[in-house]
Amino acid sequence: MKRSVEVFIAACPLCDPIVKLVQETSCDNCQVTVYNLTRQCEDKMILDKIKAYEINHIPSIVVNGKLLSCCTNKIRRSDLVNAGIGQM
């Protein structure tokens, strides 16, 4: 059975090395699909996948339907406040 690898990017300089890394690391058993958010498809399938996988930032990688743990950090208001944002 092929391993499904989905890479979500936004065609930015930070995303290109991630795509290259995934492609270099993958093997014949890996089916790599790259979704570029700057090229939204007509049926909004990419947005549905982002919601389903709970993707909070780009680039992100999903393997066999599971968002990798390195891609799960979510920016929260409390993080911003703790960093001093919004405080005089």
PDB file of N, CA and C in Angstrom:
ATOM      1  N   MET A   1       0.839  -1.176   0.000  1.00  0.00           N
ATOM      2  CA  MET A   1       0.000   0.000   0.000  1.00  0.00           C
ATOM      3  C   MET A   1       0.890   1.248   0.000  1.00  0.00           C
ATOM      4  N   LYS A   2       0.575   2.181  -0.862  1.00  0.00           N
ATOM      5  CA  LYS A   2       1.337   3.422  -0.953  1.00  0.00           C
ATOM      6  C   LYS A   2       1.075   4.299   0.263  1.00  0.00           C
ATOM      7  N   ARG A   3       2.104   5.028   0.662  1.00  0.00           N
ATOM      8  CA  ARG A   3       2.001   5.992   1.748  1.00  0.00           C
ATOM      9  C   ARG A   3       1.579   7.321   1.142  1.00  0.00           C
ATOM     10  N   SER A   4       0.513   7.899   1.648  1.00  0.00           N
ATOM     11  CA  SER A   4       0.019   9.181   1.165  1.00  0.00           C
ATOM     12  C   SER A   4       0.715  10.305   1.924  1.00  0.00           C
ATOM     13  N   VAL A   5       1.404  11.171   1.175  1.00  0.00           N
ATOM     14  CA  VAL A   5       2.093  12.312   1.765  1.00  0.00           C
ATOM     15  C   VAL A   5       1.531  13.568   1.113  1.00  0.00           C
ATOM     16  N   GLU A   6       0.890  14.410   1.922  1.00  0.00           N
ATOM     17  CA  GLU A   6       0.311  15.652   1.417  1.00  0.00           C
ATOM     18  C   GLU A   6       1.081  16.828   2.021  1.00  0.00           C
ATOM     19  N   VAL A   7       1.555  17.711   1.147  1.00  0.00           N
ATOM     20  CA  VAL A   7       2.322  18.870   1.582  1.00  0.00           C
ATOM     21  C   VAL A   7       1.504  20.112   1.236  1.00  0.00           C
ATOM     22  N   PHE A   8       1.236  20.930   2.241  1.00  0.00           N
ATOM     23  CA  PHE A   8       0.455  22.152   2.050  1.00  0.00           C
ATOM     24  C   PHE A   8       1.404  23.338   2.101  1.00  0.00           C
ATOM     25  N   ILE A   9       1.431  24.129   1.017  1.00  0.00           N
ATOM     26  CA  ILE A   9       2.357  25.251   0.900  1.00  0.00           C
ATOM     27  C   ILE A   9       1.623  26.501   0.423  1.00  0.00           C
ATOM     28  N   ALA A  10       2.361  27.611   0.422  1.00  0.00           N
ATOM     29  CA  ALA A  10       1.807  28.875  -0.080  1.00  0.00           C
ATOM     30  C   ALA A  10       2.781  29.530  -1.061  1.00  0.00           C
ATOM     31  N   ALA A  11       3.586  28.722  -1.725  1.00  0.00           N
ATOM     32  CA  ALA A  11       4.530  29.207  -2.737  1.00  0.00           C
ATOM     33  C   ALA A  11       5.407  30.340  -2.211  1.00  0.00           C
ATOM     34  N   CYS A  12       5.980  30.133  -1.038  1.00  0.00           N
ATOM     35  CA  CYS A  12       6.846  31.147  -0.442  1.00  0.00           C
ATOM     36  C   CYS A  12       8.258  30.590  -0.314  1.00  0.00           C
ATOM     37  N   PRO A  13       9.235  31.436  -0.042  1.00  0.00           N
ATOM     38  CA  PRO A  13      10.614  30.959   0.078  1.00  0.00           C
ATOM     39  C   PRO A  13      10.825  29.955   1.215  1.00  0.00           C
ATOM     40  N   LEU A  14       9.962  29.965   2.219  1.00  0.00           N
ATOM     41  CA  LEU A  14      10.074  28.997   3.303  1.00  0.00           C
ATOM     42  C   LEU A  14       9.511  27.629   2.927  1.00  0.00           C
ATOM     43  N   CYS A  15       8.592  27.614   1.971  1.00  0.00           N
ATOM     44  CA  CYS A  15       7.931  26.373   1.584  1.00  0.00           C
ATOM     45  C   CYS A  15       8.771  25.539   0.608  1.00  0.00           C
ATOM     46  N   ASP A  16       9.464  26.198  -0.296  1.00  0.00           N
ATOM     47  CA  ASP A  16      10.212  25.484  -1.331  1.00  0.00           C
ATOM     48  C   ASP A  16      11.206  24.460  -0.763  1.00  0.00           C
ATOM     49  N   PRO A  17      12.003  24.801   0.272  1.00  0.00           N
ATOM     50  CA  PRO A  17      12.917  23.798   0.824  1.00  0.00           C
ATOM     51  C   PRO A  17      12.204  22.608   1.458  1.00  0.00           C
ATOM     52  N   ILE A  18      11.008  22.840   2.009  1.00  0.00           N
ATOM     53  CA  ILE A  18      10.241  21.744   2.616  1.00  0.00           C
ATOM     54  C   ILE A  18       9.776  20.777   1.534  1.00  0.00           C
ATOM     55  N   VAL A  19       9.269  21.313   0.436  1.00  0.00           N
ATOM     56  CA  VAL A  19       8.835  20.459  -0.672  1.00  0.00           C
ATOM     57  C   VAL A  19      10.020  19.641  -1.184  1.00  0.00           C
ATOM     58  N   LYS A  20      11.160  20.296  -1.349  1.00  0.00           N
ATOM     59  CA  LYS A  20      12.358  19.607  -1.831  1.00  0.00           C
ATOM     60  C   LYS A  20      12.773  18.502  -0.864  1.00  0.00           C
ATOM     61  N   LEU A  21      12.751  18.799   0.435  1.00  0.00           N
ATOM     62  CA  LEU A  21      13.110  17.813   1.453  1.00  0.00           C
ATOM     63  C   LEU A  21      12.186  16.597   1.402  1.00  0.00           C
ATOM     64  N   VAL A  22      10.888  16.842   1.304  1.00  0.00           N
ATOM     65  CA  VAL A  22       9.921  15.739   1.231  1.00  0.00           C
ATOM     66  C   VAL A  22      10.173  14.901  -0.027  1.00  0.00           C
ATOM     67  N   GLN A  23      10.376  15.555  -1.147  1.00  0.00           N
ATOM     68  CA  GLN A  23      10.606  14.835  -2.393  1.00  0.00           C
ATOM     69  C   GLN A  23      11.891  14.036  -2.352  1.00  0.00           C
ATOM     70  N   GLU A  24      12.946  14.595  -1.755  1.00  0.00           N
ATOM     71  CA  GLU A  24      14.217  13.874  -1.651  1.00  0.00           C
ATOM     72  C   GLU A  24      14.127  12.703  -0.676  1.00  0.00           C
ATOM     73  N   THR A  25      13.292  12.830   0.342  1.00  0.00           N
ATOM     74  CA  THR A  25      13.170  11.806   1.377  1.00  0.00           C
ATOM     75  C   THR A  25      12.223  10.685   0.976  1.00  0.00           C
ATOM     76  N   SER A  26      11.276  10.986   0.109  1.00  0.00           N
ATOM     77  CA  SER A  26      10.258   9.996  -0.253  1.00  0.00           C
ATOM     78  C   SER A  26      10.868   8.855  -1.067  1.00  0.00           C
ATOM     79  N   CYS A  27      10.140   7.743  -1.080  1.00  0.00           N
ATOM     80  CA  CYS A  27      10.574   6.553  -1.810  1.00  0.00           C
ATOM     81  C   CYS A  27       9.482   6.144  -2.792  1.00  0.00           C
ATOM     82  N   ASP A  28       9.695   5.029  -3.461  1.00  0.00           N
ATOM     83  CA  ASP A  28       8.705   4.535  -4.428  1.00  0.00           C
ATOM     84  C   ASP A  28       7.378   4.198  -3.770  1.00  0.00           C
ATOM     85  N   ASN A  29       7.394   3.985  -2.457  1.00  0.00           N
ATOM     86  CA  ASN A  29       6.176   3.643  -1.729  1.00  0.00           C
ATOM     87  C   ASN A  29       5.401   4.887  -1.281  1.00  0.00           C
ATOM     88  N   CYS A  30       5.912   6.072  -1.600  1.00  0.00           N
ATOM     89  CA  CYS A  30       5.286   7.325  -1.185  1.00  0.00           C
ATOM     90  C   CYS A  30       4.603   8.006  -2.367  1.00  0.00           C
ATOM     91  N   GLN A  31       3.365   8.379  -2.163  1.00  0.00           N
ATOM     92  CA  GLN A  31       2.621   9.161  -3.148  1.00  0.00           C
ATOM     93  C   GLN A  31       2.555  10.583  -2.620  1.00  0.00           C
ATOM     94  N   VAL A  32       3.421  11.468  -3.142  1.00  0.00           N
ATOM     95  CA  VAL A  32       3.515  12.840  -2.658  1.00  0.00           C
ATOM     96  C   VAL A  32       2.611  13.747  -3.485  1.00  0.00           C
ATOM     97  N   THR A  33       1.763  14.505  -2.780  1.00  0.00           N
ATOM     98  CA  THR A  33       0.900  15.494  -3.417  1.00  0.00           C
ATOM     99  C   THR A  33       1.169  16.832  -2.749  1.00  0.00           C
ATOM    100  N   VAL A  34       1.441  17.849  -3.568  1.00  0.00           N
ATOM    101  CA  VAL A  34       1.695  19.192  -3.052  1.00  0.00           C
ATOM    102  C   VAL A  34       0.487  20.060  -3.362  1.00  0.00           C
ATOM    103  N   TYR A  35      -0.074  20.662  -2.313  1.00  0.00           N
ATOM    104  CA  TYR A  35      -1.206  21.572  -2.465  1.00  0.00           C
ATOM    105  C   TYR A  35      -0.713  22.997  -2.252  1.00  0.00           C
ATOM    106  N   ASN A  36      -0.804  23.807  -3.278  1.00  0.00           N
ATOM    107  CA  ASN A  36      -0.379  25.191  -3.229  1.00  0.00           C
ATOM    108  C   ASN A  36      -1.610  26.055  -2.974  1.00  0.00           C
ATOM    109  N   LEU A  37      -1.670  26.673  -1.805  1.00  0.00           N
ATOM    110  CA  LEU A  37      -2.848  27.460  -1.424  1.00  0.00           C
ATOM    111  C   LEU A  37      -3.025  28.710  -2.267  1.00  0.00           C
ATOM    112  N   THR A  38      -1.995  29.142  -2.971  1.00  0.00           N
ATOM    113  CA  THR A  38      -2.139  30.310  -3.830  1.00  0.00           C
ATOM    114  C   THR A  38      -2.827  29.960  -5.143  1.00  0.00           C
ATOM    115  N   ARG A  39      -3.026  28.681  -5.388  1.00  0.00           N
ATOM    116  CA  ARG A  39      -3.737  28.210  -6.583  1.00  0.00           C
ATOM    117  C   ARG A  39      -4.964  27.423  -6.160  1.00  0.00           C
ATOM    118  N   GLN A  40      -5.897  28.087  -5.558  1.00  0.00           N
ATOM    119  CA  GLN A  40      -7.109  27.447  -5.042  1.00  0.00           C
ATOM    120  C   GLN A  40      -7.893  26.778  -6.159  1.00  0.00           C
ATOM    121  N   CYS A  41      -8.333  25.584  -5.894  1.00  0.00           N
ATOM    122  CA  CYS A  41      -9.125  24.853  -6.886  1.00  0.00           C
ATOM    123  C   CYS A  41     -10.592  25.287  -6.803  1.00  0.00           C
ATOM    124  N   GLU A  42     -11.309  25.036  -7.868  1.00  0.00           N
ATOM    125  CA  GLU A  42     -12.709  25.470  -7.978  1.00  0.00           C
ATOM    126  C   GLU A  42     -13.610  24.881  -6.890  1.00  0.00           C
ATOM    127  N   ASP A  43     -13.374  23.624  -6.520  1.00  0.00           N
ATOM    128  CA  ASP A  43     -14.288  22.964  -5.589  1.00  0.00           C
ATOM    129  C   ASP A  43     -13.908  23.159  -4.115  1.00  0.00           C
ATOM    130  N   LYS A  44     -12.900  23.981  -3.839  1.00  0.00           N
ATOM    131  CA  LYS A  44     -12.472  24.297  -2.471  1.00  0.00           C
ATOM    132  C   LYS A  44     -11.997  23.069  -1.704  1.00  0.00           C
ATOM    133  N   MET A  45     -11.557  22.039  -2.420  1.00  0.00           N
ATOM    134  CA  MET A  45     -11.087  20.802  -1.802  1.00  0.00           C
ATOM    135  C   MET A  45      -9.927  21.052  -0.855  1.00  0.00           C
ATOM    136  N   ILE A  46      -9.020  21.969  -1.229  1.00  0.00           N
ATOM    137  CA  ILE A  46      -7.864  22.245  -0.382  1.00  0.00           C
ATOM    138  C   ILE A  46      -8.315  22.833   0.956  1.00  0.00           C
ATOM    139  N   LEU A  47      -9.258  23.757   0.920  1.00  0.00           N
ATOM    140  CA  LEU A  47      -9.766  24.338   2.169  1.00  0.00           C
ATOM    141  C   LEU A  47     -10.439  23.284   3.044  1.00  0.00           C
ATOM    142  N   ASP A  48     -11.157  22.366   2.435  1.00  0.00           N
ATOM    143  CA  ASP A  48     -11.786  21.280   3.193  1.00  0.00           C
ATOM    144  C   ASP A  48     -10.733  20.414   3.869  1.00  0.00           C
ATOM    145  N   LYS A  49      -9.642  20.115   3.158  1.00  0.00           N
ATOM    146  CA  LYS A  49      -8.564  19.307   3.732  1.00  0.00           C
ATOM    147  C   LYS A  49      -7.896  20.046   4.892  1.00  0.00           C
ATOM    148  N   ILE A  50      -7.670  21.342   4.724  1.00  0.00           N
ATOM    149  CA  ILE A  50      -7.045  22.138   5.784  1.00  0.00           C
ATOM    150  C   ILE A  50      -7.898  22.107   7.047  1.00  0.00           C
ATOM    151  N   LYS A  51      -9.191  22.226   6.896  1.00  0.00           N
ATOM    152  CA  LYS A  51     -10.099  22.163   8.049  1.00  0.00           C
ATOM    153  C   LYS A  51     -10.097  20.768   8.661  1.00  0.00           C
ATOM    154  N   ALA A  52     -10.177  19.752   7.835  1.00  0.00           N
ATOM    155  CA  ALA A  52     -10.238  18.378   8.329  1.00  0.00           C
ATOM    156  C   ALA A  52      -8.963  17.992   9.088  1.00  0.00           C
ATOM    157  N   TYR A  53      -7.808  18.420   8.587  1.00  0.00           N
ATOM    158  CA  TYR A  53      -6.541  18.094   9.235  1.00  0.00           C
ATOM    159  C   TYR A  53      -6.174  19.081  10.345  1.00  0.00           C
ATOM    160  N   GLU A  54      -6.989  20.122  10.515  1.00  0.00           N
ATOM    161  CA  GLU A  54      -6.747  21.162  11.518  1.00  0.00           C
ATOM    162  C   GLU A  54      -5.376  21.808  11.333  1.00  0.00           C
ATOM    163  N   ILE A  55      -5.070  22.146  10.084  1.00  0.00           N
ATOM    164  CA  ILE A  55      -3.815  22.812   9.754  1.00  0.00           C
ATOM    165  C   ILE A  55      -3.919  24.277  10.158  1.00  0.00           C
ATOM    166  N   ASN A  56      -2.917  24.737  10.917  1.00  0.00           N
ATOM    167  CA  ASN A  56      -2.914  26.101  11.424  1.00  0.00           C
ATOM    168  C   ASN A  56      -1.813  26.968  10.842  1.00  0.00           C
ATOM    169  N   HIS A  57      -0.862  26.362  10.174  1.00  0.00           N
ATOM    170  CA  HIS A  57       0.182  27.142   9.530  1.00  0.00           C
ATOM    171  C   HIS A  57       0.760  26.382   8.342  1.00  0.00           C
ATOM    172  N   ILE A  58       1.443  27.138   7.520  1.00  0.00           N
ATOM    173  CA  ILE A  58       2.006  26.613   6.282  1.00  0.00           C
ATOM    174  C   ILE A  58       3.511  26.851   6.315  1.00  0.00           C
ATOM    175  N   PRO A  59       4.339  25.949   5.892  1.00  0.00           N
ATOM    176  CA  PRO A  59       4.021  24.660   5.310  1.00  0.00           C
ATOM    177  C   PRO A  59       3.625  23.633   6.376  1.00  0.00           C
ATOM    178  N   SER A  60       2.830  22.672   5.975  1.00  0.00           N
ATOM    179  CA  SER A  60       2.434  21.552   6.824  1.00  0.00           C
ATOM    180  C   SER A  60       2.460  20.273   6.007  1.00  0.00           C
ATOM    181  N   ILE A  61       2.690  19.164   6.705  1.00  0.00           N
ATOM    182  CA  ILE A  61       2.781  17.862   6.048  1.00  0.00           C
ATOM    183  C   ILE A  61       1.837  16.883   6.737  1.00  0.00           C
ATOM    184  N   VAL A  62       1.070  16.162   5.920  1.00  0.00           N
ATOM    185  CA  VAL A  62       0.139  15.147   6.410  1.00  0.00           C
ATOM    186  C   VAL A  62       0.557  13.812   5.806  1.00  0.00           C
ATOM    187  N   VAL A  63       0.711  12.790   6.655  1.00  0.00           N
ATOM    188  CA  VAL A  63       1.084  11.458   6.181  1.00  0.00           C
ATOM    189  C   VAL A  63      -0.031  10.489   6.553  1.00  0.00           C
ATOM    190  N   ASN A  64      -0.559   9.831   5.539  1.00  0.00           N
ATOM    191  CA  ASN A  64      -1.662   8.882   5.728  1.00  0.00           C
ATOM    192  C   ASN A  64      -2.793   9.479   6.559  1.00  0.00           C
ATOM    193  N   GLY A  65      -3.134  10.728   6.255  1.00  0.00           N
ATOM    194  CA  GLY A  65      -4.270  11.380   6.902  1.00  0.00           C
ATOM    195  C   GLY A  65      -3.990  11.967   8.269  1.00  0.00           C
ATOM    196  N   LYS A  66      -2.725  11.969   8.719  1.00  0.00           N
ATOM    197  CA  LYS A  66      -2.398  12.481  10.048  1.00  0.00           C
ATOM    198  C   LYS A  66      -1.387  13.616   9.918  1.00  0.00           C
ATOM    199  N   LEU A  67      -1.745  14.772  10.493  1.00  0.00           N
ATOM    200  CA  LEU A  67      -0.853  15.922  10.507  1.00  0.00           C
ATOM    201  C   LEU A  67       0.360  15.581  11.362  1.00  0.00           C
ATOM    202  N   LEU A  68       1.567  15.785  10.814  1.00  0.00           N
ATOM    203  CA  LEU A  68       2.776  15.484  11.575  1.00  0.00           C
ATOM    204  C   LEU A  68       2.867  16.375  12.804  1.00  0.00           C
ATOM    205  N   SER A  69       3.401  15.835  13.886  1.00  0.00           N
ATOM    206  CA  SER A  69       3.471  16.581  15.146  1.00  0.00           C
ATOM    207  C   SER A  69       4.277  17.863  15.002  1.00  0.00           C
ATOM    208  N   CYS A  70       5.236  17.897  14.086  1.00  0.00           N
ATOM    209  CA  CYS A  70       6.025  19.118  13.885  1.00  0.00           C
ATOM    210  C   CYS A  70       5.194  20.235  13.260  1.00  0.00           C
ATOM    211  N   CYS A  71       4.008  19.914  12.796  1.00  0.00           N
ATOM    212  CA  CYS A  71       3.160  20.891  12.101  1.00  0.00           C
ATOM    213  C   CYS A  71       1.916  21.270  12.898  1.00  0.00           C
ATOM    214  N   THR A  72       1.875  20.948  14.175  1.00  0.00           N
ATOM    215  CA  THR A  72       0.633  21.149  14.938  1.00  0.00           C
ATOM    216  C   THR A  72       0.595  22.414  15.783  1.00  0.00           C
ATOM    217  N   ASN A  73       1.686  23.140  15.883  1.00  0.00           N
ATOM    218  CA  ASN A  73       1.667  24.350  16.711  1.00  0.00           C
ATOM    219  C   ASN A  73       0.665  25.358  16.171  1.00  0.00           C
ATOM    220  N   LYS A  74      -0.102  25.904  17.072  1.00  0.00           N
ATOM    221  CA  LYS A  74      -1.111  26.893  16.710  1.00  0.00           C
ATOM    222  C   LYS A  74      -0.792  28.188  17.442  1.00  0.00           C
ATOM    223  N   ILE A  75      -0.814  29.287  16.710  1.00  0.00           N
ATOM    224  CA  ILE A  75      -0.595  30.585  17.338  1.00  0.00           C
ATOM    225  C   ILE A  75      -1.868  30.955  18.088  1.00  0.00           C
ATOM    226  N   ARG A  76      -1.718  31.203  19.383  1.00  0.00           N
ATOM    227  CA  ARG A  76      -2.858  31.547  20.224  1.00  0.00           C
ATOM    228  C   ARG A  76      -2.709  32.972  20.740  1.00  0.00           C
ATOM    229  N   ARG A  77      -3.828  33.595  21.036  1.00  0.00           N
ATOM    230  CA  ARG A  77      -3.828  34.953  21.576  1.00  0.00           C
ATOM    231  C   ARG A  77      -2.979  35.009  22.850  1.00  0.00           C
ATOM    232  N   SER A  78      -3.090  34.001  23.690  1.00  0.00           N
ATOM    233  CA  SER A  78      -2.335  34.007  24.945  1.00  0.00           C
ATOM    234  C   SER A  78      -0.827  34.029  24.688  1.00  0.00           C
ATOM    235  N   ASP A  79      -0.359  33.369  23.635  1.00  0.00           N
ATOM    236  CA  ASP A  79       1.053  33.401  23.282  1.00  0.00           C
ATOM    237  C   ASP A  79       1.487  34.819  22.921  1.00  0.00           C
ATOM    238  N   LEU A  80       0.631  35.512  22.174  1.00  0.00           N
ATOM    239  CA  LEU A  80       0.946  36.874  21.779  1.00  0.00           C
ATOM    240  C   LEU A  80       0.982  37.804  22.988  1.00  0.00           C
ATOM    241  N   VAL A  81      -0.005  37.681  23.864  1.00  0.00           N
ATOM    242  CA  VAL A  81      -0.066  38.518  25.060  1.00  0.00           C
ATOM    243  C   VAL A  81       1.148  38.236  25.958  1.00  0.00           C
ATOM    244  N   ASN A  82       1.495  36.965  26.118  1.00  0.00           N
ATOM    245  CA  ASN A  82       2.647  36.598  26.938  1.00  0.00           C
ATOM    246  C   ASN A  82       3.953  37.156  26.370  1.00  0.00           C
ATOM    247  N   ALA A  83       3.990  37.386  25.071  1.00  0.00           N
ATOM    248  CA  ALA A  83       5.170  37.969  24.422  1.00  0.00           C
ATOM    249  C   ALA A  83       5.172  39.480  24.507  1.00  0.00           C
ATOM    250  N   GLY A  84       4.118  40.072  25.092  1.00  0.00           N
ATOM    251  CA  GLY A  84       4.053  41.512  25.280  1.00  0.00           C
ATOM    252  C   GLY A  84       3.294  42.254  24.197  1.00  0.00           C
ATOM    253  N   ILE A  85       2.733  41.557  23.244  1.00  0.00           N
ATOM    254  CA  ILE A  85       1.984  42.218  22.176  1.00  0.00           C
ATOM    255  C   ILE A  85       0.681  42.770  22.759  1.00  0.00           C
ATOM    256  N   GLY A  86       0.396  44.033  22.437  1.00  0.00           N
ATOM    257  CA  GLY A  86      -0.819  44.670  22.901  1.00  0.00           C
ATOM    258  C   GLY A  86      -0.697  45.326  24.258  1.00  0.00           C
ATOM    259  N   GLN A  87       0.497  45.311  24.810  1.00  0.00           N
ATOM    260  CA  GLN A  87       0.714  45.929  26.127  1.00  0.00           C
ATOM    261  C   GLN A  87       1.519  47.205  25.951  1.00  0.00           C
ATOM    262  N   MET A  88       1.123  48.224  26.666  1.00  0.00           N
ATOM    263  CA  MET A  88       1.816  49.523  26.578  1.00  0.00           C
ATOM    264  C   MET A  88       3.040  49.544  27.422  1.00  0.00           C
TER     265      MET A  88
END
